[in-house]
Amino acid sequence: MKHSGSELEHSLHAFVDGELNQPEQRDLLVRMENDETLRERVCDLRNAKEWIKSSFEGETAPTRSLPGGHSPFRRLIT
């Protein structure tokens, strides 16, 4: 599994998010066994993900009407 820097970074993010298929995940885990820097990067990404997740814990997305009280679906209904 040979990656350029940006491809590897994308794979690391996908790994942390649980988006890799089994062969990709297995290949990355093997690489991580032999590369301390890679393990540290994955740890940093996991910590950042958890930090962001906890920052928004208990928050709800704001809701608002469009200017003028128009619904984006009004034209579909009428």
PDB file of N, CA and C in Angstrom:
ATOM      1  N   MET A   1       0.843  -1.171   0.000  1.00  0.00           N
ATOM      2  CA  MET A   1       0.000   0.000   0.000  1.00  0.00           C
ATOM      3  C   MET A   1       0.887   1.233   0.000  1.00  0.00           C
ATOM      4  N   LYS A   2       1.089   1.817  -1.151  1.00  0.00           N
ATOM      5  CA  LYS A   2       1.920   3.004  -1.299  1.00  0.00           C
ATOM      6  C   LYS A   2       1.014   4.203  -1.532  1.00  0.00           C
ATOM      7  N   HIS A   3       1.198   5.253  -0.749  1.00  0.00           N
ATOM      8  CA  HIS A   3       0.356   6.438  -0.846  1.00  0.00           C
ATOM      9  C   HIS A   3       1.212   7.685  -0.964  1.00  0.00           C
ATOM     10  N   SER A   4       0.682   8.685  -1.666  1.00  0.00           N
ATOM     11  CA  SER A   4       1.286  10.009  -1.601  1.00  0.00           C
ATOM     12  C   SER A   4       0.863  10.615  -0.265  1.00  0.00           C
ATOM     13  N   GLY A   5       1.429  11.748   0.072  1.00  0.00           N
ATOM     14  CA  GLY A   5       1.104  12.381   1.351  1.00  0.00           C
ATOM     15  C   GLY A   5      -0.371  12.685   1.510  1.00  0.00           C
ATOM     16  N   SER A   6      -0.988  13.262   0.481  1.00  0.00           N
ATOM     17  CA  SER A   6      -2.408  13.612   0.598  1.00  0.00           C
ATOM     18  C   SER A   6      -3.292  12.363   0.578  1.00  0.00           C
ATOM     19  N   GLU A   7      -2.907  11.350  -0.184  1.00  0.00           N
ATOM     20  CA  GLU A   7      -3.678  10.095  -0.194  1.00  0.00           C
ATOM     21  C   GLU A   7      -3.611   9.411   1.167  1.00  0.00           C
ATOM     22  N   LEU A   8      -2.430   9.427   1.769  1.00  0.00           N
ATOM     23  CA  LEU A   8      -2.268   8.823   3.095  1.00  0.00           C
ATOM     24  C   LEU A   8      -3.106   9.576   4.119  1.00  0.00           C
ATOM     25  N   GLU A   9      -3.071  10.901   4.065  1.00  0.00           N
ATOM     26  CA  GLU A   9      -3.854  11.710   5.005  1.00  0.00           C
ATOM     27  C   GLU A   9      -5.344  11.401   4.846  1.00  0.00           C
ATOM     28  N   HIS A  10      -5.797  11.296   3.615  1.00  0.00           N
ATOM     29  CA  HIS A  10      -7.201  10.947   3.353  1.00  0.00           C
ATOM     30  C   HIS A  10      -7.521   9.564   3.939  1.00  0.00           C
ATOM     31  N   SER A  11      -6.616   8.613   3.755  1.00  0.00           N
ATOM     32  CA  SER A  11      -6.823   7.265   4.288  1.00  0.00           C
ATOM     33  C   SER A  11      -6.858   7.266   5.814  1.00  0.00           C
ATOM     34  N   LEU A  12      -6.025   8.085   6.431  1.00  0.00           N
ATOM     35  CA  LEU A  12      -6.011   8.160   7.896  1.00  0.00           C
ATOM     36  C   LEU A  12      -7.328   8.720   8.417  1.00  0.00           C
ATOM     37  N   HIS A  13      -7.834   9.751   7.768  1.00  0.00           N
ATOM     38  CA  HIS A  13      -9.130  10.313   8.174  1.00  0.00           C
ATOM     39  C   HIS A  13     -10.235   9.273   7.980  1.00  0.00           C
ATOM     40  N   ALA A  14     -10.202   8.561   6.852  1.00  0.00           N
ATOM     41  CA  ALA A  14     -11.205   7.529   6.587  1.00  0.00           C
ATOM     42  C   ALA A  14     -11.100   6.416   7.629  1.00  0.00           C
ATOM     43  N   PHE A  15      -9.895   6.067   8.032  1.00  0.00           N
ATOM     44  CA  PHE A  15      -9.684   5.038   9.051  1.00  0.00           C
ATOM     45  C   PHE A  15     -10.319   5.467  10.376  1.00  0.00           C
ATOM     46  N   VAL A  16     -10.033   6.684  10.792  1.00  0.00           N
ATOM     47  CA  VAL A  16     -10.562   7.195  12.061  1.00  0.00           C
ATOM     48  C   VAL A  16     -12.090   7.262  12.025  1.00  0.00           C
ATOM     49  N   ASP A  17     -12.641   7.561  10.855  1.00  0.00           N
ATOM     50  CA  ASP A  17     -14.100   7.654  10.706  1.00  0.00           C
ATOM     51  C   ASP A  17     -14.757   6.307  10.426  1.00  0.00           C
ATOM     52  N   GLY A  18     -13.959   5.227  10.357  1.00  0.00           N
ATOM     53  CA  GLY A  18     -14.507   3.893  10.116  1.00  0.00           C
ATOM     54  C   GLY A  18     -15.011   3.699   8.692  1.00  0.00           C
ATOM     55  N   GLU A  19     -14.398   4.384   7.738  1.00  0.00           N
ATOM     56  CA  GLU A  19     -14.864   4.346   6.360  1.00  0.00           C
ATOM     57  C   GLU A  19     -14.016   3.485   5.423  1.00  0.00           C
ATOM     58  N   LEU A  20     -12.993   2.833   5.933  1.00  0.00           N
ATOM     59  CA  LEU A  20     -12.167   1.978   5.070  1.00  0.00           C
ATOM     60  C   LEU A  20     -12.772   0.585   4.982  1.00  0.00           C
ATOM     61  N   ASN A  21     -12.598  -0.040   3.814  1.00  0.00           N
ATOM     62  CA  ASN A  21     -13.026  -1.439   3.713  1.00  0.00           C
ATOM     63  C   ASN A  21     -11.998  -2.311   4.427  1.00  0.00           C
ATOM     64  N   GLN A  22     -12.312  -3.578   4.600  1.00  0.00           N
ATOM     65  CA  GLN A  22     -11.451  -4.481   5.392  1.00  0.00           C
ATOM     66  C   GLN A  22     -10.015  -4.556   4.869  1.00  0.00           C
ATOM     67  N   PRO A  23      -9.789  -4.764   3.561  1.00  0.00           N
ATOM     68  CA  PRO A  23      -8.392  -4.828   3.094  1.00  0.00           C
ATOM     69  C   PRO A  23      -7.628  -3.528   3.323  1.00  0.00           C
ATOM     70  N   GLU A  24      -8.261  -2.382   3.092  1.00  0.00           N
ATOM     71  CA  GLU A  24      -7.600  -1.090   3.316  1.00  0.00           C
ATOM     72  C   GLU A  24      -7.275  -0.898   4.788  1.00  0.00           C
ATOM     73  N   GLN A  25      -8.227  -1.269   5.641  1.00  0.00           N
ATOM     74  CA  GLN A  25      -8.018  -1.141   7.083  1.00  0.00           C
ATOM     75  C   GLN A  25      -6.874  -2.038   7.537  1.00  0.00           C
ATOM     76  N   ARG A  26      -6.858  -3.263   7.057  1.00  0.00           N
ATOM     77  CA  ARG A  26      -5.800  -4.216   7.432  1.00  0.00           C
ATOM     78  C   ARG A  26      -4.429  -3.708   6.981  1.00  0.00           C
ATOM     79  N   ASP A  27      -4.349  -3.189   5.743  1.00  0.00           N
ATOM     80  CA  ASP A  27      -3.077  -2.664   5.235  1.00  0.00           C
ATOM     81  C   ASP A  27      -2.586  -1.488   6.072  1.00  0.00           C
ATOM     82  N   LEU A  28      -3.501  -0.616   6.443  1.00  0.00           N
ATOM     83  CA  LEU A  28      -3.114   0.542   7.240  1.00  0.00           C
ATOM     84  C   LEU A  28      -2.676   0.125   8.646  1.00  0.00           C
ATOM     85  N   LEU A  29      -3.355  -0.847   9.228  1.00  0.00           N
ATOM     86  CA  LEU A  29      -2.960  -1.336  10.552  1.00  0.00           C
ATOM     87  C   LEU A  29      -1.563  -1.941  10.522  1.00  0.00           C
ATOM     88  N   VAL A  30      -1.226  -2.653   9.456  1.00  0.00           N
ATOM     89  CA  VAL A  30       0.119  -3.219   9.309  1.00  0.00           C
ATOM     90  C   VAL A  30       1.149  -2.104   9.222  1.00  0.00           C
ATOM     91  N   ARG A  31       0.838  -1.071   8.446  1.00  0.00           N
ATOM     92  CA  ARG A  31       1.755   0.071   8.343  1.00  0.00           C
ATOM     93  C   ARG A  31       1.937   0.748   9.699  1.00  0.00           C
ATOM     94  N   MET A  32       0.839   0.871  10.439  1.00  0.00           N
ATOM     95  CA  MET A  32       0.903   1.526  11.739  1.00  0.00           C
ATOM     96  C   MET A  32       1.742   0.741  12.738  1.00  0.00           C
ATOM     97  N   GLU A  33       1.746  -0.581  12.620  1.00  0.00           N
ATOM     98  CA  GLU A  33       2.570  -1.401  13.523  1.00  0.00           C
ATOM     99  C   GLU A  33       4.035  -1.034  13.425  1.00  0.00           C
ATOM    100  N   ASN A  34       4.464  -0.631  12.243  1.00  0.00           N
ATOM    101  CA  ASN A  34       5.875  -0.371  11.989  1.00  0.00           C
ATOM    102  C   ASN A  34       6.224   1.111  11.880  1.00  0.00           C
ATOM    103  N   ASP A  35       5.264   1.995  12.119  1.00  0.00           N
ATOM    104  CA  ASP A  35       5.516   3.418  11.927  1.00  0.00           C
ATOM    105  C   ASP A  35       4.926   4.220  13.095  1.00  0.00           C
ATOM    106  N   GLU A  36       5.781   4.613  14.007  1.00  0.00           N
ATOM    107  CA  GLU A  36       5.334   5.341  15.191  1.00  0.00           C
ATOM    108  C   GLU A  36       4.715   6.680  14.824  1.00  0.00           C
ATOM    109  N   THR A  37       5.252   7.357  13.835  1.00  0.00           N
ATOM    110  CA  THR A  37       4.708   8.639  13.404  1.00  0.00           C
ATOM    111  C   THR A  37       3.279   8.487  12.899  1.00  0.00           C
ATOM    112  N   LEU A  38       3.030   7.413  12.172  1.00  0.00           N
ATOM    113  CA  LEU A  38       1.693   7.129  11.662  1.00  0.00           C
ATOM    114  C   LEU A  38       0.723   6.860  12.814  1.00  0.00           C
ATOM    115  N   ARG A  39       1.179   6.088  13.800  1.00  0.00           N
ATOM    116  CA  ARG A  39       0.338   5.824  14.977  1.00  0.00           C
ATOM    117  C   ARG A  39       0.010   7.113  15.716  1.00  0.00           C
ATOM    118  N   GLU A  40       0.999   7.979  15.858  1.00  0.00           N
ATOM    119  CA  GLU A  40       0.783   9.252  16.539  1.00  0.00           C
ATOM    120  C   GLU A  40      -0.199  10.126  15.769  1.00  0.00           C
ATOM    121  N   ARG A  41      -0.113  10.104  14.431  1.00  0.00           N
ATOM    122  CA  ARG A  41      -1.037  10.901  13.615  1.00  0.00           C
ATOM    123  C   ARG A  41      -2.473  10.410  13.796  1.00  0.00           C
ATOM    124  N   VAL A  42      -2.663   9.087  13.808  1.00  0.00           N
ATOM    125  CA  VAL A  42      -3.999   8.522  14.011  1.00  0.00           C
ATOM    126  C   VAL A  42      -4.512   8.895  15.399  1.00  0.00           C
ATOM    127  N   CYS A  43      -3.658   8.846  16.379  1.00  0.00           N
ATOM    128  CA  CYS A  43      -4.046   9.233  17.739  1.00  0.00           C
ATOM    129  C   CYS A  43      -4.459  10.705  17.776  1.00  0.00           C
ATOM    130  N   ASP A  44      -3.692  11.560  17.102  1.00  0.00           N
ATOM    131  CA  ASP A  44      -4.032  12.988  17.044  1.00  0.00           C
ATOM    132  C   ASP A  44      -5.386  13.201  16.366  1.00  0.00           C
ATOM    133  N   LEU A  45      -5.640  12.480  15.277  1.00  0.00           N
ATOM    134  CA  LEU A  45      -6.910  12.616  14.565  1.00  0.00           C
ATOM    135  C   LEU A  45      -8.077  12.143  15.426  1.00  0.00           C
ATOM    136  N   ARG A  46      -7.883  11.032  16.134  1.00  0.00           N
ATOM    137  CA  ARG A  46      -8.945  10.540  17.021  1.00  0.00           C
ATOM    138  C   ARG A  46      -9.223  11.530  18.147  1.00  0.00           C
ATOM    139  N   ASN A  47      -8.159  12.092  18.713  1.00  0.00           N
ATOM    140  CA  ASN A  47      -8.333  13.085  19.779  1.00  0.00           C
ATOM    141  C   ASN A  47      -9.076  14.312  19.262  1.00  0.00           C
ATOM    142  N   ALA A  48      -8.718  14.775  18.073  1.00  0.00           N
ATOM    143  CA  ALA A  48      -9.388  15.939  17.493  1.00  0.00           C
ATOM    144  C   ALA A  48     -10.858  15.638  17.235  1.00  0.00           C
ATOM    145  N   LYS A  49     -11.143  14.452  16.718  1.00  0.00           N
ATOM    146  CA  LYS A  49     -12.531  14.072  16.455  1.00  0.00           C
ATOM    147  C   LYS A  49     -13.336  14.059  17.755  1.00  0.00           C
ATOM    148  N   GLU A  50     -12.785  13.480  18.804  1.00  0.00           N
ATOM    149  CA  GLU A  50     -13.477  13.429  20.087  1.00  0.00           C
ATOM    150  C   GLU A  50     -13.639  14.816  20.695  1.00  0.00           C
ATOM    151  N   TRP A  51     -12.624  15.659  20.528  1.00  0.00           N
ATOM    152  CA  TRP A  51     -12.695  17.024  21.050  1.00  0.00           C
ATOM    153  C   TRP A  51     -13.817  17.791  20.360  1.00  0.00           C
ATOM    154  N   ILE A  52     -13.879  17.683  19.049  1.00  0.00           N
ATOM    155  CA  ILE A  52     -14.935  18.375  18.299  1.00  0.00           C
ATOM    156  C   ILE A  52     -16.302  17.819  18.675  1.00  0.00           C
ATOM    157  N   LYS A  53     -16.401  16.499  18.757  1.00  0.00           N
ATOM    158  CA  LYS A  53     -17.672  15.864  19.117  1.00  0.00           C
ATOM    159  C   LYS A  53     -18.142  16.340  20.494  1.00  0.00           C
ATOM    160  N   SER A  54     -17.239  16.379  21.458  1.00  0.00           N
ATOM    161  CA  SER A  54     -17.620  16.798  22.805  1.00  0.00           C
ATOM    162  C   SER A  54     -17.926  18.290  22.873  1.00  0.00           C
ATOM    163  N   SER A  55     -17.344  19.073  21.979  1.00  0.00           N
ATOM    164  CA  SER A  55     -17.607  20.513  21.955  1.00  0.00           C
ATOM    165  C   SER A  55     -19.048  20.817  21.595  1.00  0.00           C
ATOM    166  N   PHE A  56     -19.665  19.944  20.807  1.00  0.00           N
ATOM    167  CA  PHE A  56     -21.026  20.172  20.357  1.00  0.00           C
ATOM    168  C   PHE A  56     -22.039  19.294  21.077  1.00  0.00           C
ATOM    169  N   GLU A  57     -21.594  18.583  22.101  1.00  0.00           N
ATOM    170  CA  GLU A  57     -22.489  17.715  22.855  1.00  0.00           C
ATOM    171  C   GLU A  57     -23.603  18.538  23.482  1.00  0.00           C
ATOM    172  N   GLY A  58     -24.823  18.103  23.289  1.00  0.00           N
ATOM    173  CA  GLY A  58     -25.966  18.795  23.851  1.00  0.00           C
ATOM    174  C   GLY A  58     -26.450  19.970  23.022  1.00  0.00           C
ATOM    175  N   GLU A  59     -25.747  20.288  21.948  1.00  0.00           N
ATOM    176  CA  GLU A  59     -26.152  21.397  21.088  1.00  0.00           C
ATOM    177  C   GLU A  59     -27.119  20.905  20.023  1.00  0.00           C
ATOM    178  N   THR A  60     -27.996  21.773  19.603  1.00  0.00           N
ATOM    179  CA  THR A  60     -28.880  21.453  18.493  1.00  0.00           C
ATOM    180  C   THR A  60     -28.648  22.474  17.392  1.00  0.00           C
ATOM    181  N   ALA A  61     -28.863  22.048  16.179  1.00  0.00           N
ATOM    182  CA  ALA A  61     -28.678  22.946  15.045  1.00  0.00           C
ATOM    183  C   ALA A  61     -29.727  24.049  15.107  1.00  0.00           C
ATOM    184  N   PRO A  62     -29.325  25.263  14.818  1.00  0.00           N
ATOM    185  CA  PRO A  62     -30.305  26.349  14.845  1.00  0.00           C
ATOM    186  C   PRO A  62     -31.312  26.170  13.718  1.00  0.00           C
ATOM    187  N   THR A  63     -32.524  26.594  13.978  1.00  0.00           N
ATOM    188  CA  THR A  63     -33.549  26.566  12.941  1.00  0.00           C
ATOM    189  C   THR A  63     -33.973  28.001  12.689  1.00  0.00           C
ATOM    190  N   ARG A  64     -34.258  28.283  11.473  1.00  0.00           N
ATOM    191  CA  ARG A  64     -34.702  29.625  11.130  1.00  0.00           C
ATOM    192  C   ARG A  64     -35.505  29.574   9.843  1.00  0.00           C
ATOM    193  N   SER A  65     -36.314  30.537   9.691  1.00  0.00           N
ATOM    194  CA  SER A  65     -37.090  30.667   8.467  1.00  0.00           C
ATOM    195  C   SER A  65     -36.274  31.448   7.454  1.00  0.00           C
ATOM    196  N   LEU A  66     -36.594  31.228   6.212  1.00  0.00           N
ATOM    197  CA  LEU A  66     -35.963  32.012   5.164  1.00  0.00           C
ATOM    198  C   LEU A  66     -36.518  33.431   5.216  1.00  0.00           C
ATOM    199  N   PRO A  67     -35.764  34.399   4.735  1.00  0.00           N
ATOM    200  CA  PRO A  67     -36.263  35.778   4.737  1.00  0.00           C
ATOM    201  C   PRO A  67     -37.634  35.861   4.066  1.00  0.00           C
ATOM    202  N   GLY A  68     -38.521  36.593   4.668  1.00  0.00           N
ATOM    203  CA  GLY A  68     -39.860  36.745   4.123  1.00  0.00           C
ATOM    204  C   GLY A  68     -40.787  35.601   4.488  1.00  0.00           C
ATOM    205  N   GLY A  69     -40.303  34.665   5.317  1.00  0.00           N
ATOM    206  CA  GLY A  69     -41.130  33.554   5.757  1.00  0.00           C
ATOM    207  C   GLY A  69     -41.422  32.518   4.687  1.00  0.00           C
ATOM    208  N   HIS A  70     -40.654  32.518   3.615  1.00  0.00           N
ATOM    209  CA  HIS A  70     -40.887  31.567   2.532  1.00  0.00           C
ATOM    210  C   HIS A  70     -40.281  30.209   2.859  1.00  0.00           C
ATOM    211  N   SER A  71     -40.966  29.183   2.496  1.00  0.00           N
ATOM    212  CA  SER A  71     -40.470  27.821   2.652  1.00  0.00           C
ATOM    213  C   SER A  71     -39.802  27.398   1.354  1.00  0.00           C
ATOM    214  N   PRO A  72     -38.667  26.712   1.418  1.00  0.00           N
ATOM    215  CA  PRO A  72     -38.029  26.259   0.178  1.00  0.00           C
ATOM    216  C   PRO A  72     -38.890  25.236  -0.560  1.00  0.00           C
ATOM    217  N   PHE A  73     -39.887  24.656   0.102  1.00  0.00           N
ATOM    218  CA  PHE A  73     -40.721  23.634  -0.526  1.00  0.00           C
ATOM    219  C   PHE A  73     -42.096  24.157  -0.932  1.00  0.00           C
ATOM    220  N   ARG A  74     -42.367  25.426  -0.657  1.00  0.00           N
ATOM    221  CA  ARG A  74     -43.690  25.994  -0.946  1.00  0.00           C
ATOM    222  C   ARG A  74     -44.064  25.824  -2.416  1.00  0.00           C
ATOM    223  N   ARG A  75     -43.152  26.070  -3.314  1.00  0.00           N
ATOM    224  CA  ARG A  75     -43.459  25.971  -4.734  1.00  0.00           C
ATOM    225  C   ARG A  75     -43.725  24.537  -5.167  1.00  0.00           C
ATOM    226  N   LEU A  76     -43.163  23.574  -4.480  1.00  0.00           N
ATOM    227  CA  LEU A  76     -43.398  22.175  -4.811  1.00  0.00           C
ATOM    228  C   LEU A  76     -44.809  21.754  -4.422  1.00  0.00           C
ATOM    229  N   ILE A  77     -45.342  22.375  -3.396  1.00  0.00           N
ATOM    230  CA  ILE A  77     -46.658  21.972  -2.876  1.00  0.00           C
ATOM    231  C   ILE A  77     -47.770  22.641  -3.665  1.00  0.00           C
ATOM    232  N   THR A  78     -47.597  23.896  -4.041  1.00  0.00           N
ATOM    233  CA  THR A  78     -48.690  24.619  -4.710  1.00  0.00           C
ATOM    234  C   THR A  78     -48.660  24.452  -6.194  1.00  0.00           C
TER     235      THR A  78
END
